[in-house]
Amino acid sequence: VIYGDTDSVMIKFGVKTLEEAMELGRLAATFVSSHFISPIKLEFEKCYYPYLLINKKRYAGLYFTRPEKYDKMDCKGIETVRRDNCELVASLITTCLEKLLIERDPNGAVEYVKTVISDLLCNRIDISQLVISKELTKTDAEYSNKQPHAELANKMRKRDPGSAPNLGDRVPYVIIPGTKNQPASERAEDPVYVLDNNVPIDTKYYLEQQISKPLLRIFEPILGDSKAESILLRGEHTTVKTVVTSKVGGLAGFITKKDKCIGCKTVLQEQGTALCSYCKAKEGDYYQKEVETLQELEEKFTRLWTECQRCQGARLEDVLCTNRDCSIFYMRRKVQKDLGDQTRIISRFSVPALNW
C-alpha cells in the first residue's frame, strides 16, 4: 500500500504490465469485499501509470480504466485546478506534467520551465497570464489581515466609485513593484490600469510566490530535494531581466520622455522624427519592418475581436464585453494599446503618402 484515504486505497503490485495490475486489482477487491459486512464492498476503479505521488491529497498520473489507452491525465490537489493562482501557474504545471507523464521527457520539462522563467523576468509573458482573481466576500473591516483584492477594491473606489467592485464580485489584480518590505496587499493593482499606464509587473513576486513552490513540489521527487531548486530557480535563465518604465508614480511626473532612433536607439536631436542621421540611409528597411509589425498586430487584434464576437453570439456587432475574468479581454486590451503605439511610431517616418 503506497497511499490510502478515507474512501480509497492505492496498491503497488510490482507487476510489469497494466493488464496484470488490473487483474490483481479486481482479485484484491473481490477478496477484501468478501471480508466486509454486506452491503459494504471494495471496488476496483482504475490504474495510474506513471504515478507521481507528492504528498497526501496531492498526486498526478495517467488514468487507465482499460489497458489499451489512458483515459486522461488526472491531477488532485495540484495548482492545475486551483483558482487562487494566476493562469501562468496552471499552464506551466500542466505542460510540465504532460512532458513528464505522457512524453516521458524530464529534460524537456526542465528546459521548458527555464524558458518560461526567462520570459517572465524579461516581461515577455502576456499580462492575461499573470492576473489573479479572488471574490470579495467581506468588507474591509471584516478581514483579519489585509487582503490584496480588498485593498485594491478600496483603491478603485477612490478613483472611480461607479466602476469599483462590490461585495460578491471577483476582483482581478496583478502585483506591481513597491518599496522594500512593502506587503503584497498594498501592491495589488487593476490590470487595466497597469496596461493603460505602462506600470511594470513585479516578476520577482510571481517567480518566488506563485511559481517556485508548485514547481519544486513536482520536480523534487524527480531531480532530488537539493538539485531541483538550483537547476530550476538558479542559473543563466534568471540573470537577464527587463525593466519597464512606468507613466505614473515616482518621478514620472518630473520626467520628459524623448523620442529615440528606431535603429540605434540614441536620443534624437530632432524630436518627432524616426531615425538619426546615421540610420537615415536605411529608412526604407526600417519603415518596412515597422509596417510588418503593425500588420501582425492588426491580424492578432482581428482574431481576438472575432473570438469575442463569437463568444457574445453576434459576429456583426461591436464587442461590448468587459468581463475581467476572461484572459482574452486583457489580451485584446494589450494589443489595442500596442496598435496605438505602433501607429505613432510609423507616423514619425518621413515617407510620403501614396496617391492611388
Protein backbone atom coordinates (compact mmCIF):
# COMPACT_ATOMS: atom_id res chain seq x y z
CA VAL A 1 0.00 0.00 0.00
CA ILE A 2 1.54 3.31 -1.07
CA TYR A 3 -1.40 5.64 -0.39
CA GLY A 4 -4.68 5.46 1.47
CA ASP A 5 -7.54 7.87 2.05
CA THR A 6 -10.94 7.85 3.72
CA ASP A 7 -12.66 6.00 0.88
CA SER A 8 -9.79 4.69 -1.26
CA VAL A 9 -6.53 2.77 -1.19
CA MET A 10 -3.75 2.58 -3.80
CA ILE A 11 -1.60 -0.53 -4.06
CA LYS A 12 1.61 -1.11 -5.99
CA PHE A 13 1.62 -4.79 -7.04
CA GLY A 14 5.05 -4.64 -8.66
CA VAL A 15 3.98 -6.22 -11.96
CA LYS A 16 5.26 -5.19 -15.39
CA THR A 17 2.05 -4.68 -17.38
CA LEU A 18 -1.22 -2.82 -16.93
CA GLU A 19 -3.21 -5.98 -17.70
CA GLU A 20 -1.64 -7.79 -14.75
CA ALA A 21 -2.14 -4.81 -12.43
CA MET A 22 -5.82 -4.52 -13.36
CA GLU A 23 -6.42 -8.25 -12.92
CA LEU A 24 -4.76 -8.25 -9.50
CA GLY A 25 -6.75 -5.14 -8.57
CA ARG A 26 -10.03 -6.88 -9.35
CA LEU A 27 -8.98 -10.01 -7.43
CA ALA A 28 -7.91 -7.90 -4.43
CA ALA A 29 -11.22 -6.00 -4.48
CA THR A 30 -13.19 -9.27 -4.55
CA PHE A 31 -11.10 -10.78 -1.73
CA VAL A 32 -11.41 -7.72 0.55
CA SER A 33 -15.15 -7.36 -0.15
CA SER A 34 -15.70 -10.97 0.96
CA HIS A 35 -14.47 -9.99 4.45
CA PHE A 36 -16.73 -6.92 4.71
CA ILE A 37 -20.24 -6.93 6.15
CA SER A 38 -22.83 -6.72 3.35
CA PRO A 39 -23.58 -4.39 1.58
CA ILE A 40 -20.12 -2.80 2.13
CA LYS A 41 -17.68 -3.71 -0.62
CA LEU A 42 -14.42 -2.56 -2.19
CA GLU A 43 -14.49 -1.88 -5.95
CA PHE A 44 -11.62 -1.78 -8.41
CA GLU A 45 -11.77 1.59 -10.14
CA LYS A 46 -8.60 2.49 -12.07
CA CYS A 47 -4.86 2.18 -12.58
CA TYR A 48 -2.34 5.02 -12.61
CA TYR A 49 0.74 4.65 -14.79
CA PRO A 50 3.01 6.52 -14.43
CA TYR A 51 2.08 7.88 -11.00
CA LEU A 52 3.60 10.94 -9.30
CA LEU A 53 2.79 10.98 -5.57
CA ILE A 54 3.81 14.29 -3.99
CA ASN A 55 2.16 14.02 -0.56
CA LYS A 56 -1.26 13.41 0.98
CA LYS A 57 -4.06 14.52 -1.37
CA ARG A 58 -1.51 15.75 -3.94
CA TYR A 59 -0.77 13.45 -6.86
CA ALA A 60 -0.93 13.15 -10.64
CA GLY A 61 -0.86 10.31 -13.11
CA LEU A 62 -2.24 8.84 -16.32
CA TYR A 63 -5.68 7.41 -15.54
CA PHE A 64 -6.37 3.95 -17.07
CA THR A 65 -9.68 2.06 -16.95
CA ARG A 66 -8.65 -0.18 -19.86
CA PRO A 67 -5.10 -1.21 -20.76
CA GLU A 68 -5.17 -0.08 -24.41
CA LYS A 69 -5.05 3.71 -23.82
CA TYR A 70 -5.18 6.12 -20.89
CA ASP A 71 -8.47 7.97 -20.32
CA LYS A 72 -6.97 11.26 -19.14
CA MET A 73 -4.22 12.87 -17.11
CA ASP A 74 -5.65 13.02 -13.59
CA CYS A 75 -4.44 15.64 -11.08
CA LYS A 76 -5.51 16.07 -7.46
CA GLY A 77 -4.55 18.95 -5.16
CA ILE A 78 -2.14 20.41 -7.72
CA GLU A 79 -2.20 24.00 -8.99
CA THR A 80 -3.65 22.97 -12.36
CA VAL A 81 -7.12 23.07 -10.82
CA ARG A 82 -6.83 25.81 -8.17
CA ARG A 83 -8.29 29.29 -8.82
CA ASP A 84 -6.18 31.24 -6.31
CA ASN A 85 -3.16 31.23 -8.64
CA CYS A 86 -2.57 33.10 -11.87
CA GLU A 87 -3.17 31.33 -15.18
CA LEU A 88 0.57 31.10 -15.83
CA VAL A 89 0.95 28.66 -12.92
CA ALA A 90 -1.79 26.36 -14.22
CA SER A 91 -0.49 26.32 -17.81
CA LEU A 92 3.13 25.84 -16.67
CA ILE A 93 2.33 22.95 -14.30
CA THR A 94 0.01 21.29 -16.84
CA THR A 95 2.64 21.39 -19.59
CA CYS A 96 5.33 20.07 -17.22
CA LEU A 97 3.11 17.16 -16.17
CA GLU A 98 2.34 16.36 -19.82
CA LYS A 99 6.06 16.26 -20.62
CA LEU A 100 6.81 14.13 -17.54
CA LEU A 101 3.87 11.71 -17.65
CA ILE A 102 2.84 11.49 -21.31
CA GLU A 103 6.04 12.28 -23.24
CA ARG A 104 8.35 10.82 -20.52
CA ASP A 105 10.79 13.67 -21.16
CA PRO A 106 12.07 15.15 -17.86
CA ASN A 107 14.86 17.06 -19.61
CA GLY A 108 12.32 18.68 -21.93
CA ALA A 109 10.22 19.67 -18.91
CA VAL A 110 13.23 21.30 -17.23
CA GLU A 111 14.12 23.26 -20.39
CA TYR A 112 10.51 24.39 -20.76
CA VAL A 113 10.50 25.70 -17.16
CA LYS A 114 13.72 27.62 -17.78
CA THR A 115 12.25 29.20 -20.93
CA VAL A 116 9.08 30.31 -19.12
CA ILE A 117 11.04 31.78 -16.19
CA SER A 118 13.30 33.67 -18.62
CA ASP A 119 10.25 35.02 -20.48
CA LEU A 120 8.68 36.09 -17.18
CA LEU A 121 11.75 38.01 -15.99
CA CYS A 122 12.12 39.67 -19.42
CA ASN A 123 8.43 40.77 -19.48
CA ARG A 124 7.56 38.56 -22.44
CA ILE A 125 4.59 36.94 -20.65
CA ASP A 126 1.20 38.42 -21.52
CA ILE A 127 -0.48 40.18 -18.60
CA SER A 128 -3.56 37.96 -19.05
CA GLN A 129 -1.42 35.07 -17.75
CA LEU A 130 -0.48 36.99 -14.58
CA VAL A 131 -3.93 38.09 -13.39
CA ILE A 132 -5.00 36.71 -10.00
CA SER A 133 -8.72 36.77 -9.21
CA LYS A 134 -10.45 36.48 -5.82
CA GLU A 135 -14.01 37.04 -4.68
CA LEU A 136 -14.76 40.00 -2.42
CA THR A 137 -16.78 38.22 0.29
CA LYS A 138 -16.34 40.64 3.21
CA THR A 139 -15.98 44.32 3.90
CA ASP A 140 -12.51 45.66 4.53
CA ALA A 141 -13.05 45.78 8.31
CA GLU A 142 -14.16 42.12 8.47
CA TYR A 143 -10.88 40.72 7.12
CA SER A 144 -8.47 39.80 9.94
CA ASN A 145 -5.47 40.60 7.71
CA LYS A 146 -5.13 42.94 4.77
CA GLN A 147 -6.01 41.15 1.55
CA PRO A 148 -4.75 42.28 -1.90
CA HIS A 149 -8.16 42.17 -3.59
CA ALA A 150 -9.84 44.06 -0.72
CA GLU A 151 -7.16 46.76 -0.68
CA LEU A 152 -7.44 47.13 -4.46
CA ALA A 153 -11.24 47.45 -4.22
CA ASN A 154 -10.76 50.40 -1.84
CA LYS A 155 -8.20 51.96 -4.18
CA MET A 156 -10.54 51.61 -7.18
CA ARG A 157 -13.43 53.05 -5.15
CA LYS A 158 -11.41 56.22 -4.56
CA ARG A 159 -10.54 56.53 -8.26
CA ASP A 160 -14.00 55.84 -9.67
CA PRO A 161 -16.82 54.75 -7.31
CA GLY A 162 -19.05 53.84 -10.26
CA SER A 163 -16.79 51.11 -11.65
CA ALA A 164 -15.41 49.80 -8.34
CA PRO A 165 -16.18 46.15 -7.40
CA ASN A 166 -18.89 45.40 -4.84
CA LEU A 167 -19.40 42.56 -2.37
CA GLY A 168 -19.78 39.27 -4.23
CA ASP A 169 -17.75 40.43 -7.25
CA ARG A 170 -14.50 38.79 -8.26
CA VAL A 171 -11.60 41.26 -8.14
CA PRO A 172 -8.81 40.64 -10.68
CA TYR A 173 -5.40 42.07 -9.83
CA VAL A 174 -1.69 41.90 -10.57
CA ILE A 175 1.22 42.62 -8.24
CA ILE A 176 3.44 45.60 -9.06
CA PRO A 177 6.81 46.61 -7.55
CA GLY A 178 6.87 48.66 -4.36
CA THR A 179 9.20 49.83 -1.64
CA LYS A 180 11.39 47.43 0.33
CA ASN A 181 9.37 45.13 2.64
CA GLN A 182 6.08 46.59 1.39
CA PRO A 183 3.41 43.84 1.68
CA ALA A 184 1.81 42.42 -1.44
CA SER A 185 -1.63 43.58 -0.25
CA GLU A 186 -0.52 47.19 -0.83
CA ARG A 187 0.98 46.41 -4.24
CA ALA A 188 -2.11 44.89 -5.87
CA GLU A 189 -3.24 46.86 -8.92
CA ASP A 190 -6.01 46.78 -11.51
CA PRO A 191 -4.70 45.05 -14.70
CA VAL A 192 -6.46 47.61 -16.94
CA TYR A 193 -4.80 50.47 -15.05
CA VAL A 194 -1.45 48.69 -15.41
CA LEU A 195 -1.93 48.33 -19.17
CA ASP A 196 -3.09 51.91 -19.73
CA ASN A 197 -0.25 53.45 -17.70
CA ASN A 198 2.55 51.04 -18.60
CA VAL A 199 3.08 50.10 -14.94
CA PRO A 200 5.72 47.35 -14.54
CA ILE A 201 4.89 43.93 -13.07
CA ASP A 202 6.76 42.56 -10.05
CA THR A 203 8.12 39.49 -11.82
CA LYS A 204 10.17 38.52 -8.74
CA TYR A 205 6.94 38.12 -6.75
CA TYR A 206 5.46 35.81 -9.39
CA LEU A 207 8.63 33.73 -9.52
CA GLU A 208 9.04 33.38 -5.75
CA GLN A 209 5.43 33.38 -4.51
CA GLN A 210 3.45 31.87 -7.39
CA ILE A 211 5.69 29.59 -9.48
CA SER A 212 8.55 28.27 -7.34
CA LYS A 213 6.65 26.19 -4.74
CA PRO A 214 4.39 24.30 -7.20
CA LEU A 215 7.40 23.58 -9.43
CA LEU A 216 9.55 22.29 -6.57
CA ARG A 217 6.74 20.02 -5.34
CA ILE A 218 6.66 18.33 -8.75
CA PHE A 219 10.38 18.21 -9.57
CA GLU A 220 11.87 17.39 -6.14
CA PRO A 221 10.78 13.70 -6.31
CA ILE A 222 12.41 13.52 -9.77
CA LEU A 223 15.54 15.69 -9.51
CA GLY A 224 16.14 15.45 -5.76
CA ASP A 225 15.45 17.93 -2.95
CA SER A 226 18.77 19.74 -3.24
CA LYS A 227 19.08 19.78 -7.04
CA ALA A 228 15.58 20.90 -8.03
CA GLU A 229 15.89 24.46 -6.72
CA SER A 230 19.41 25.02 -8.08
CA ILE A 231 18.50 23.69 -11.55
CA LEU A 232 15.11 25.39 -11.95
CA LEU A 233 15.42 28.65 -10.00
CA ARG A 234 19.13 29.44 -10.37
CA GLY A 235 21.31 29.85 -13.41
CA GLU A 236 21.69 31.89 -16.58
CA HIS A 237 17.97 31.91 -17.34
CA THR A 238 17.36 34.03 -14.19
CA THR A 239 20.12 36.61 -14.72
CA VAL A 240 18.68 38.68 -17.60
CA LYS A 241 15.82 40.99 -16.66
CA THR A 242 13.87 43.74 -18.45
CA VAL A 243 12.76 46.86 -16.57
CA VAL A 244 9.62 48.69 -17.73
CA THR A 245 9.31 52.45 -17.18
CA SER A 246 6.00 53.50 -15.65
CA LYS A 247 3.99 56.52 -16.79
CA VAL A 248 2.66 57.19 -13.27
CA GLY A 249 4.08 57.39 -9.76
CA GLY A 250 7.57 58.11 -8.52
CA LEU A 251 9.47 60.62 -10.67
CA ALA A 252 7.30 60.05 -13.75
CA GLY A 253 5.67 63.48 -13.37
CA PHE A 254 9.06 65.24 -13.48
CA ILE A 255 10.48 63.38 -16.48
CA THR A 256 10.08 64.38 -20.12
CA LYS A 257 10.22 61.41 -22.45
CA LYS A 258 12.21 61.93 -25.63
CA ASP A 259 12.00 60.03 -28.89
CA LYS A 260 14.82 57.64 -29.72
CA CYS A 261 16.12 56.47 -33.06
CA ILE A 262 14.26 53.32 -34.11
CA GLY A 263 17.51 51.91 -35.50
CA CYS A 264 20.29 52.57 -32.95
CA LYS A 265 18.12 53.76 -30.00
CA THR A 266 20.05 57.01 -29.46
CA VAL A 267 18.12 60.12 -28.35
CA LEU A 268 17.13 62.13 -31.42
CA GLN A 269 18.22 65.74 -31.79
CA GLU A 270 15.11 66.48 -33.83
CA GLN A 271 12.13 65.18 -31.88
CA GLY A 272 9.20 63.72 -33.80
CA THR A 273 11.36 62.02 -36.41
CA ALA A 274 12.07 58.30 -36.66
CA LEU A 275 15.79 57.94 -37.42
CA CYS A 276 19.07 59.66 -36.69
CA SER A 277 21.38 60.90 -39.43
CA TYR A 278 23.42 57.67 -39.35
CA CYS A 279 20.39 55.37 -39.80
CA LYS A 280 18.59 57.63 -42.31
CA ALA A 281 20.17 55.79 -45.25
CA LYS A 282 18.20 52.63 -44.32
CA GLU A 283 14.90 54.40 -43.74
CA GLY A 284 13.06 52.19 -46.24
CA ASP A 285 14.16 48.99 -44.49
CA TYR A 286 13.18 50.25 -41.04
CA TYR A 287 9.85 51.55 -42.34
CA GLN A 288 9.02 48.19 -43.94
CA LYS A 289 9.88 46.38 -40.70
CA GLU A 290 7.59 48.62 -38.64
CA VAL A 291 4.74 48.24 -41.16
CA GLU A 292 5.08 44.45 -40.93
CA THR A 293 4.88 44.69 -37.13
CA LEU A 294 1.73 46.81 -37.47
CA GLN A 295 0.15 44.25 -39.80
CA GLU A 296 0.92 41.43 -37.33
CA LEU A 297 -0.74 43.39 -34.52
CA GLU A 298 -3.78 44.12 -36.70
CA GLU A 299 -4.10 40.43 -37.54
CA LYS A 300 -3.83 39.46 -33.86
CA PHE A 301 -6.42 42.07 -32.85
CA THR A 302 -8.78 40.85 -35.57
CA ARG A 303 -8.54 37.26 -34.31
CA LEU A 304 -9.22 38.34 -30.71
CA TRP A 305 -12.09 40.61 -31.79
CA THR A 306 -13.67 37.78 -33.80
CA GLU A 307 -13.31 35.41 -30.84
CA CYS A 308 -15.12 37.92 -28.61
CA GLN A 309 -17.88 38.39 -31.21
CA ARG A 310 -18.30 34.62 -31.41
CA CYS A 311 -18.49 34.41 -27.62
CA GLN A 312 -21.24 37.05 -27.37
CA GLY A 313 -23.13 35.44 -30.26
CA ALA A 314 -23.15 38.47 -32.57
CA ARG A 315 -20.44 38.50 -35.22
CA LEU A 316 -21.70 41.66 -36.95
CA GLU A 317 -21.87 43.86 -33.85
CA ASP A 318 -19.28 45.68 -31.77
CA VAL A 319 -17.81 43.84 -28.79
CA LEU A 320 -19.37 45.13 -25.57
CA CYS A 321 -17.83 42.56 -23.22
CA THR A 322 -15.91 43.85 -20.19
CA ASN A 323 -15.52 40.52 -18.39
CA ARG A 324 -12.33 40.96 -16.36
CA ASP A 325 -12.22 37.26 -15.51
CA CYS A 326 -11.54 36.50 -19.19
CA SER A 327 -7.93 36.33 -20.37
CA ILE A 328 -8.92 37.40 -23.91
CA PHE A 329 -10.24 40.71 -22.54
CA TYR A 330 -6.74 41.66 -21.34
CA MET A 331 -5.08 40.31 -24.49
CA ARG A 332 -7.40 42.42 -26.64
CA ARG A 333 -6.78 45.49 -24.49
CA LYS A 334 -3.00 44.99 -24.67
CA VAL A 335 -2.97 44.55 -28.46
CA GLN A 336 -5.20 47.61 -28.84
CA LYS A 337 -2.66 49.67 -26.88
CA ASP A 338 0.25 48.21 -28.88
CA LEU A 339 -1.55 49.14 -32.11
CA GLY A 340 -1.79 52.76 -30.99
CA ASP A 341 1.90 52.84 -30.05
CA GLN A 342 2.93 51.22 -33.35
CA THR A 343 0.80 53.67 -35.36
CA ARG A 344 2.56 56.58 -33.63
CA ILE A 345 5.96 55.06 -34.48
CA ILE A 346 5.07 54.79 -38.18
CA SER A 347 3.76 58.38 -38.21
CA ARG A 348 7.28 59.57 -37.30
CA PHE A 349 8.69 58.41 -40.64
CA SER A 350 9.04 60.97 -43.42
CA VAL A 351 7.67 58.55 -46.02
CA PRO A 352 5.34 60.47 -48.38
CA ALA A 353 1.73 59.35 -48.60
CA LEU A 354 0.82 57.30 -51.67
CA ASN A 355 -1.68 58.72 -54.14
CA TRP A 356 -3.71 55.92 -55.66
